[in-house]
Amino acid sequence: MGLGSACALVCLIPITQQWFEKKSLHFMISINTNSNIVGYIIGILFAESISNYFGNWCYSLSFYA
């Protein structure tokens, strides 16, 4: 998240409008905007096991990065 994600989300709609037809446009935009939320859910679900595997929160954050 941060600056890279902000730039990607701003460019998302014009690029999607160029590549997809109107009937599938809303579906593709919803997939792209919800991908961040899905990533958060996966990260939260596996946070404990990743932390236990690496044994240190610093190494766990490096893995996520």
PDB file of N, CA and C in Angstrom:
ATOM      1  N   MET A   1       0.839  -1.186   0.000  1.00  0.00           N
ATOM      2  CA  MET A   1       0.000   0.000   0.000  1.00  0.00           C
ATOM      3  C   MET A   1       0.875   1.237   0.000  1.00  0.00           C
ATOM      4  N   GLY A   2       0.264   2.342  -0.186  1.00  0.00           N
ATOM      5  CA  GLY A   2       1.009   3.588  -0.178  1.00  0.00           C
ATOM      6  C   GLY A   2       0.955   4.257  -1.541  1.00  0.00           C
ATOM      7  N   LEU A   3       2.042   4.871  -1.900  1.00  0.00           N
ATOM      8  CA  LEU A   3       2.103   5.653  -3.135  1.00  0.00           C
ATOM      9  C   LEU A   3       1.883   4.793  -4.374  1.00  0.00           C
ATOM     10  N   GLY A   4       2.485   3.616  -4.415  1.00  0.00           N
ATOM     11  CA  GLY A   4       2.324   2.743  -5.583  1.00  0.00           C
ATOM     12  C   GLY A   4       0.893   2.321  -5.795  1.00  0.00           C
ATOM     13  N   SER A   5       0.228   1.970  -4.720  1.00  0.00           N
ATOM     14  CA  SER A   5      -1.169   1.557  -4.823  1.00  0.00           C
ATOM     15  C   SER A   5      -2.053   2.736  -5.212  1.00  0.00           C
ATOM     16  N   ALA A   6      -1.764   3.909  -4.684  1.00  0.00           N
ATOM     17  CA  ALA A   6      -2.554   5.098  -5.027  1.00  0.00           C
ATOM     18  C   ALA A   6      -2.432   5.411  -6.515  1.00  0.00           C
ATOM     19  N   CYS A   7      -1.241   5.311  -7.061  1.00  0.00           N
ATOM     20  CA  CYS A   7      -1.053   5.562  -8.496  1.00  0.00           C
ATOM     21  C   CYS A   7      -1.763   4.512  -9.339  1.00  0.00           C
ATOM     22  N   ALA A   8      -1.692   3.259  -8.899  1.00  0.00           N
ATOM     23  CA  ALA A   8      -2.336   2.179  -9.656  1.00  0.00           C
ATOM     24  C   ALA A   8      -3.850   2.353  -9.657  1.00  0.00           C
ATOM     25  N   LEU A   9      -4.431   2.728  -8.530  1.00  0.00           N
ATOM     26  CA  LEU A   9      -5.880   2.876  -8.462  1.00  0.00           C
ATOM     27  C   LEU A   9      -6.369   4.065  -9.283  1.00  0.00           C
ATOM     28  N   VAL A  10      -5.574   5.123  -9.373  1.00  0.00           N
ATOM     29  CA  VAL A  10      -5.961   6.282 -10.172  1.00  0.00           C
ATOM     30  C   VAL A  10      -5.950   5.933 -11.658  1.00  0.00           C
ATOM     31  N   CYS A  11      -4.983   5.129 -12.077  1.00  0.00           N
ATOM     32  CA  CYS A  11      -4.874   4.745 -13.489  1.00  0.00           C
ATOM     33  C   CYS A  11      -5.807   3.602 -13.859  1.00  0.00           C
ATOM     34  N   LEU A  12      -6.429   2.982 -12.887  1.00  0.00           N
ATOM     35  CA  LEU A  12      -7.215   1.780 -13.107  1.00  0.00           C
ATOM     36  C   LEU A  12      -8.385   1.984 -14.071  1.00  0.00           C
ATOM     37  N   ILE A  13      -9.188   2.979 -13.862  1.00  0.00           N
ATOM     38  CA  ILE A  13     -10.411   3.143 -14.650  1.00  0.00           C
ATOM     39  C   ILE A  13     -10.106   3.487 -16.115  1.00  0.00           C
ATOM     40  N   PRO A  14      -9.224   4.447 -16.416  1.00  0.00           N
ATOM     41  CA  PRO A  14      -8.961   4.720 -17.840  1.00  0.00           C
ATOM     42  C   PRO A  14      -8.362   3.522 -18.585  1.00  0.00           C
ATOM     43  N   ILE A  15      -7.480   2.790 -17.932  1.00  0.00           N
ATOM     44  CA  ILE A  15      -6.886   1.620 -18.586  1.00  0.00           C
ATOM     45  C   ILE A  15      -7.933   0.538 -18.797  1.00  0.00           C
ATOM     46  N   THR A  16      -8.776   0.318 -17.802  1.00  0.00           N
ATOM     47  CA  THR A  16      -9.820  -0.687 -17.919  1.00  0.00           C
ATOM     48  C   THR A  16     -10.813  -0.304 -19.006  1.00  0.00           C
ATOM     49  N   GLN A  17     -11.118   0.971 -19.148  1.00  0.00           N
ATOM     50  CA  GLN A  17     -12.044   1.416 -20.188  1.00  0.00           C
ATOM     51  C   GLN A  17     -11.482   1.168 -21.582  1.00  0.00           C
ATOM     52  N   GLN A  18     -10.162   1.236 -21.730  1.00  0.00           N
ATOM     53  CA  GLN A  18      -9.550   1.000 -23.031  1.00  0.00           C
ATOM     54  C   GLN A  18      -9.530  -0.480 -23.403  1.00  0.00           C
ATOM     55  N   TRP A  19      -9.396  -1.351 -22.425  1.00  0.00           N
ATOM     56  CA  TRP A  19      -9.174  -2.767 -22.712  1.00  0.00           C
ATOM     57  C   TRP A  19     -10.431  -3.620 -22.695  1.00  0.00           C
ATOM     58  N   PHE A  20     -11.493  -3.191 -22.047  1.00  0.00           N
ATOM     59  CA  PHE A  20     -12.672  -4.033 -21.887  1.00  0.00           C
ATOM     60  C   PHE A  20     -13.921  -3.350 -22.428  1.00  0.00           C
ATOM     61  N   GLU A  21     -14.865  -4.185 -22.866  1.00  0.00           N
ATOM     62  CA  GLU A  21     -16.137  -3.677 -23.369  1.00  0.00           C
ATOM     63  C   GLU A  21     -17.004  -3.204 -22.204  1.00  0.00           C
ATOM     64  N   LYS A  22     -18.031  -2.420 -22.537  1.00  0.00           N
ATOM     65  CA  LYS A  22     -18.880  -1.853 -21.485  1.00  0.00           C
ATOM     66  C   LYS A  22     -19.571  -2.905 -20.637  1.00  0.00           C
ATOM     67  N   LYS A  23     -19.981  -4.030 -21.229  1.00  0.00           N
ATOM     68  CA  LYS A  23     -20.718  -5.025 -20.451  1.00  0.00           C
ATOM     69  C   LYS A  23     -19.844  -5.731 -19.417  1.00  0.00           C
ATOM     70  N   SER A  24     -18.540  -5.793 -19.629  1.00  0.00           N
ATOM     71  CA  SER A  24     -17.656  -6.425 -18.639  1.00  0.00           C
ATOM     72  C   SER A  24     -16.826  -5.411 -17.860  1.00  0.00           C
ATOM     73  N   LEU A  25     -16.990  -4.144 -18.150  1.00  0.00           N
ATOM     74  CA  LEU A  25     -16.183  -3.090 -17.524  1.00  0.00           C
ATOM     75  C   LEU A  25     -16.379  -3.022 -16.014  1.00  0.00           C
ATOM     76  N   HIS A  26     -17.602  -3.019 -15.540  1.00  0.00           N
ATOM     77  CA  HIS A  26     -17.866  -2.910 -14.107  1.00  0.00           C
ATOM     78  C   HIS A  26     -17.334  -4.126 -13.351  1.00  0.00           C
ATOM     79  N   PHE A  27     -17.452  -5.291 -13.965  1.00  0.00           N
ATOM     80  CA  PHE A  27     -16.937  -6.513 -13.344  1.00  0.00           C
ATOM     81  C   PHE A  27     -15.414  -6.446 -13.190  1.00  0.00           C
ATOM     82  N   MET A  28     -14.716  -5.999 -14.211  1.00  0.00           N
ATOM     83  CA  MET A  28     -13.252  -5.915 -14.151  1.00  0.00           C
ATOM     84  C   MET A  28     -12.789  -4.858 -13.149  1.00  0.00           C
ATOM     85  N   ILE A  29     -13.474  -3.746 -13.078  1.00  0.00           N
ATOM     86  CA  ILE A  29     -13.123  -2.714 -12.101  1.00  0.00           C
ATOM     87  C   ILE A  29     -13.322  -3.243 -10.688  1.00  0.00           C
ATOM     88  N   SER A  30     -14.400  -3.975 -10.450  1.00  0.00           N
ATOM     89  CA  SER A  30     -14.636  -4.517  -9.110  1.00  0.00           C
ATOM     90  C   SER A  30     -13.581  -5.558  -8.736  1.00  0.00           C
ATOM     91  N   ILE A  31     -13.150  -6.368  -9.675  1.00  0.00           N
ATOM     92  CA  ILE A  31     -12.077  -7.333  -9.389  1.00  0.00           C
ATOM     93  C   ILE A  31     -10.790  -6.604  -9.019  1.00  0.00           C
ATOM     94  N   ASN A  32     -10.448  -5.577  -9.782  1.00  0.00           N
ATOM     95  CA  ASN A  32      -9.202  -4.853  -9.518  1.00  0.00           C
ATOM     96  C   ASN A  32      -9.231  -4.110  -8.186  1.00  0.00           C
ATOM     97  N   THR A  33     -10.351  -3.519  -7.839  1.00  0.00           N
ATOM     98  CA  THR A  33     -10.398  -2.769  -6.582  1.00  0.00           C
ATOM     99  C   THR A  33     -10.506  -3.686  -5.371  1.00  0.00           C
ATOM    100  N   ASN A  34     -11.087  -4.858  -5.529  1.00  0.00           N
ATOM    101  CA  ASN A  34     -11.222  -5.784  -4.411  1.00  0.00           C
ATOM    102  C   ASN A  34      -9.996  -6.656  -4.192  1.00  0.00           C
ATOM    103  N   SER A  35      -9.051  -6.634  -5.112  1.00  0.00           N
ATOM    104  CA  SER A  35      -7.860  -7.469  -4.953  1.00  0.00           C
ATOM    105  C   SER A  35      -7.050  -7.070  -3.720  1.00  0.00           C
ATOM    106  N   ASN A  36      -7.017  -5.791  -3.381  1.00  0.00           N
ATOM    107  CA  ASN A  36      -6.317  -5.363  -2.162  1.00  0.00           C
ATOM    108  C   ASN A  36      -6.968  -5.953  -0.924  1.00  0.00           C
ATOM    109  N   ILE A  37      -8.295  -5.967  -0.895  1.00  0.00           N
ATOM    110  CA  ILE A  37      -9.011  -6.501   0.259  1.00  0.00           C
ATOM    111  C   ILE A  37      -8.768  -7.999   0.391  1.00  0.00           C
ATOM    112  N   VAL A  38      -8.767  -8.715  -0.717  1.00  0.00           N
ATOM    113  CA  VAL A  38      -8.486 -10.155  -0.689  1.00  0.00           C
ATOM    114  C   VAL A  38      -7.076 -10.412  -0.178  1.00  0.00           C
ATOM    115  N   GLY A  39      -6.130  -9.588  -0.596  1.00  0.00           N
ATOM    116  CA  GLY A  39      -4.756  -9.708  -0.098  1.00  0.00           C
ATOM    117  C   GLY A  39      -4.666  -9.499   1.406  1.00  0.00           C
ATOM    118  N   TYR A  40      -5.413  -8.531   1.912  1.00  0.00           N
ATOM    119  CA  TYR A  40      -5.447  -8.310   3.362  1.00  0.00           C
ATOM    120  C   TYR A  40      -6.004  -9.518   4.093  1.00  0.00           C
ATOM    121  N   ILE A  41      -7.088 -10.072   3.558  1.00  0.00           N
ATOM    122  CA  ILE A  41      -7.707 -11.227   4.212  1.00  0.00           C
ATOM    123  C   ILE A  41      -6.749 -12.411   4.242  1.00  0.00           C
ATOM    124  N   ILE A  42      -6.085 -12.678   3.141  1.00  0.00           N
ATOM    125  CA  ILE A  42      -5.116 -13.785   3.097  1.00  0.00           C
ATOM    126  C   ILE A  42      -3.974 -13.532   4.063  1.00  0.00           C
ATOM    127  N   GLY A  43      -3.483 -12.310   4.085  1.00  0.00           N
ATOM    128  CA  GLY A  43      -2.395 -11.970   5.001  1.00  0.00           C
ATOM    129  C   GLY A  43      -2.777 -12.133   6.458  1.00  0.00           C
ATOM    130  N   ILE A  44      -3.987 -11.734   6.806  1.00  0.00           N
ATOM    131  CA  ILE A  44      -4.443 -11.852   8.193  1.00  0.00           C
ATOM    132  C   ILE A  44      -4.671 -13.311   8.570  1.00  0.00           C
ATOM    133  N   LEU A  45      -5.236 -14.093   7.653  1.00  0.00           N
ATOM    134  CA  LEU A  45      -5.505 -15.495   7.957  1.00  0.00           C
ATOM    135  C   LEU A  45      -4.229 -16.294   8.223  1.00  0.00           C
ATOM    136  N   PHE A  46      -3.173 -15.970   7.515  1.00  0.00           N
ATOM    137  CA  PHE A  46      -1.927 -16.722   7.647  1.00  0.00           C
ATOM    138  C   PHE A  46      -0.872 -16.013   8.495  1.00  0.00           C
ATOM    139  N   ALA A  47      -1.229 -14.894   9.127  1.00  0.00           N
ATOM    140  CA  ALA A  47      -0.254 -14.109   9.892  1.00  0.00           C
ATOM    141  C   ALA A  47       0.356 -14.900  11.036  1.00  0.00           C
ATOM    142  N   GLU A  48      -0.450 -15.619  11.772  1.00  0.00           N
ATOM    143  CA  GLU A  48       0.062 -16.361  12.918  1.00  0.00           C
ATOM    144  C   GLU A  48       1.003 -17.481  12.493  1.00  0.00           C
ATOM    145  N   SER A  49       0.630 -18.225  11.469  1.00  0.00           N
ATOM    146  CA  SER A  49       1.492 -19.320  11.033  1.00  0.00           C
ATOM    147  C   SER A  49       2.783 -18.803  10.412  1.00  0.00           C
ATOM    148  N   ILE A  50       2.721 -17.699   9.708  1.00  0.00           N
ATOM    149  CA  ILE A  50       3.945 -17.104   9.144  1.00  0.00           C
ATOM    150  C   ILE A  50       4.837 -16.594  10.258  1.00  0.00           C
ATOM    151  N   SER A  51       4.252 -15.951  11.249  1.00  0.00           N
ATOM    152  CA  SER A  51       5.028 -15.459  12.387  1.00  0.00           C
ATOM    153  C   SER A  51       5.678 -16.607  13.150  1.00  0.00           C
ATOM    154  N   ASN A  52       4.947 -17.694  13.341  1.00  0.00           N
ATOM    155  CA  ASN A  52       5.513 -18.855  14.031  1.00  0.00           C
ATOM    156  C   ASN A  52       6.617 -19.506  13.211  1.00  0.00           C
ATOM    157  N   TYR A  53       6.458 -19.535  11.912  1.00  0.00           N
ATOM    158  CA  TYR A  53       7.469 -20.152  11.048  1.00  0.00           C
ATOM    159  C   TYR A  53       8.788 -19.387  11.099  1.00  0.00           C
ATOM    160  N   PHE A  54       8.712 -18.063  10.987  1.00  0.00           N
ATOM    161  CA  PHE A  54       9.928 -17.252  10.986  1.00  0.00           C
ATOM    162  C   PHE A  54      10.436 -16.958  12.391  1.00  0.00           C
ATOM    163  N   GLY A  55       9.558 -16.991  13.378  1.00  0.00           N
ATOM    164  CA  GLY A  55       9.961 -16.811  14.758  1.00  0.00           C
ATOM    165  C   GLY A  55      10.275 -15.381  15.171  1.00  0.00           C
ATOM    166  N   ASN A  56      10.083 -14.428  14.279  1.00  0.00           N
ATOM    167  CA  ASN A  56      10.428 -13.045  14.577  1.00  0.00           C
ATOM    168  C   ASN A  56       9.525 -12.155  13.719  1.00  0.00           C
ATOM    169  N   TRP A  57       8.981 -11.116  14.296  1.00  0.00           N
ATOM    170  CA  TRP A  57       8.082 -10.247  13.544  1.00  0.00           C
ATOM    171  C   TRP A  57       8.821  -9.511  12.435  1.00  0.00           C
ATOM    172  N   CYS A  58      10.130  -9.227  12.623  1.00  0.00           N
ATOM    173  CA  CYS A  58      10.904  -8.540  11.573  1.00  0.00           C
ATOM    174  C   CYS A  58      11.002  -9.408  10.323  1.00  0.00           C
ATOM    175  N   TYR A  59      11.295 -10.677  10.502  1.00  0.00           N
ATOM    176  CA  TYR A  59      11.397 -11.596   9.369  1.00  0.00           C
ATOM    177  C   TYR A  59      10.033 -11.820   8.713  1.00  0.00           C
ATOM    178  N   SER A  60       8.985 -11.818   9.519  1.00  0.00           N
ATOM    179  CA  SER A  60       7.641 -11.973   8.973  1.00  0.00           C
ATOM    180  C   SER A  60       7.280 -10.798   8.076  1.00  0.00           C
ATOM    181  N   LEU A  61       7.588  -9.586   8.504  1.00  0.00           N
ATOM    182  CA  LEU A  61       7.309  -8.413   7.679  1.00  0.00           C
ATOM    183  C   LEU A  61       8.147  -8.411   6.424  1.00  0.00           C
ATOM    184  N   SER A  62       9.377  -8.886   6.509  1.00  0.00           N
ATOM    185  CA  SER A  62      10.222  -8.991   5.319  1.00  0.00           C
ATOM    186  C   SER A  62       9.635  -9.978   4.325  1.00  0.00           C
ATOM    187  N   PHE A  63       9.059 -11.070   4.830  1.00  0.00           N
ATOM    188  CA  PHE A  63       8.405 -12.030   3.969  1.00  0.00           C
ATOM    189  C   PHE A  63       7.219 -11.405   3.238  1.00  0.00           C
ATOM    190  N   TYR A  64       6.409 -10.650   3.965  1.00  0.00           N
ATOM    191  CA  TYR A  64       5.260  -9.981   3.343  1.00  0.00           C
ATOM    192  C   TYR A  64       5.707  -8.978   2.288  1.00  0.00           C
ATOM    193  N   ALA A  65       6.795  -8.304   2.545  1.00  0.00           N
ATOM    194  CA  ALA A  65       7.298  -7.307   1.585  1.00  0.00           C
ATOM    195  C   ALA A  65       7.732  -7.965   0.315  1.00  0.00           C
TER     196      ALA A  65
END
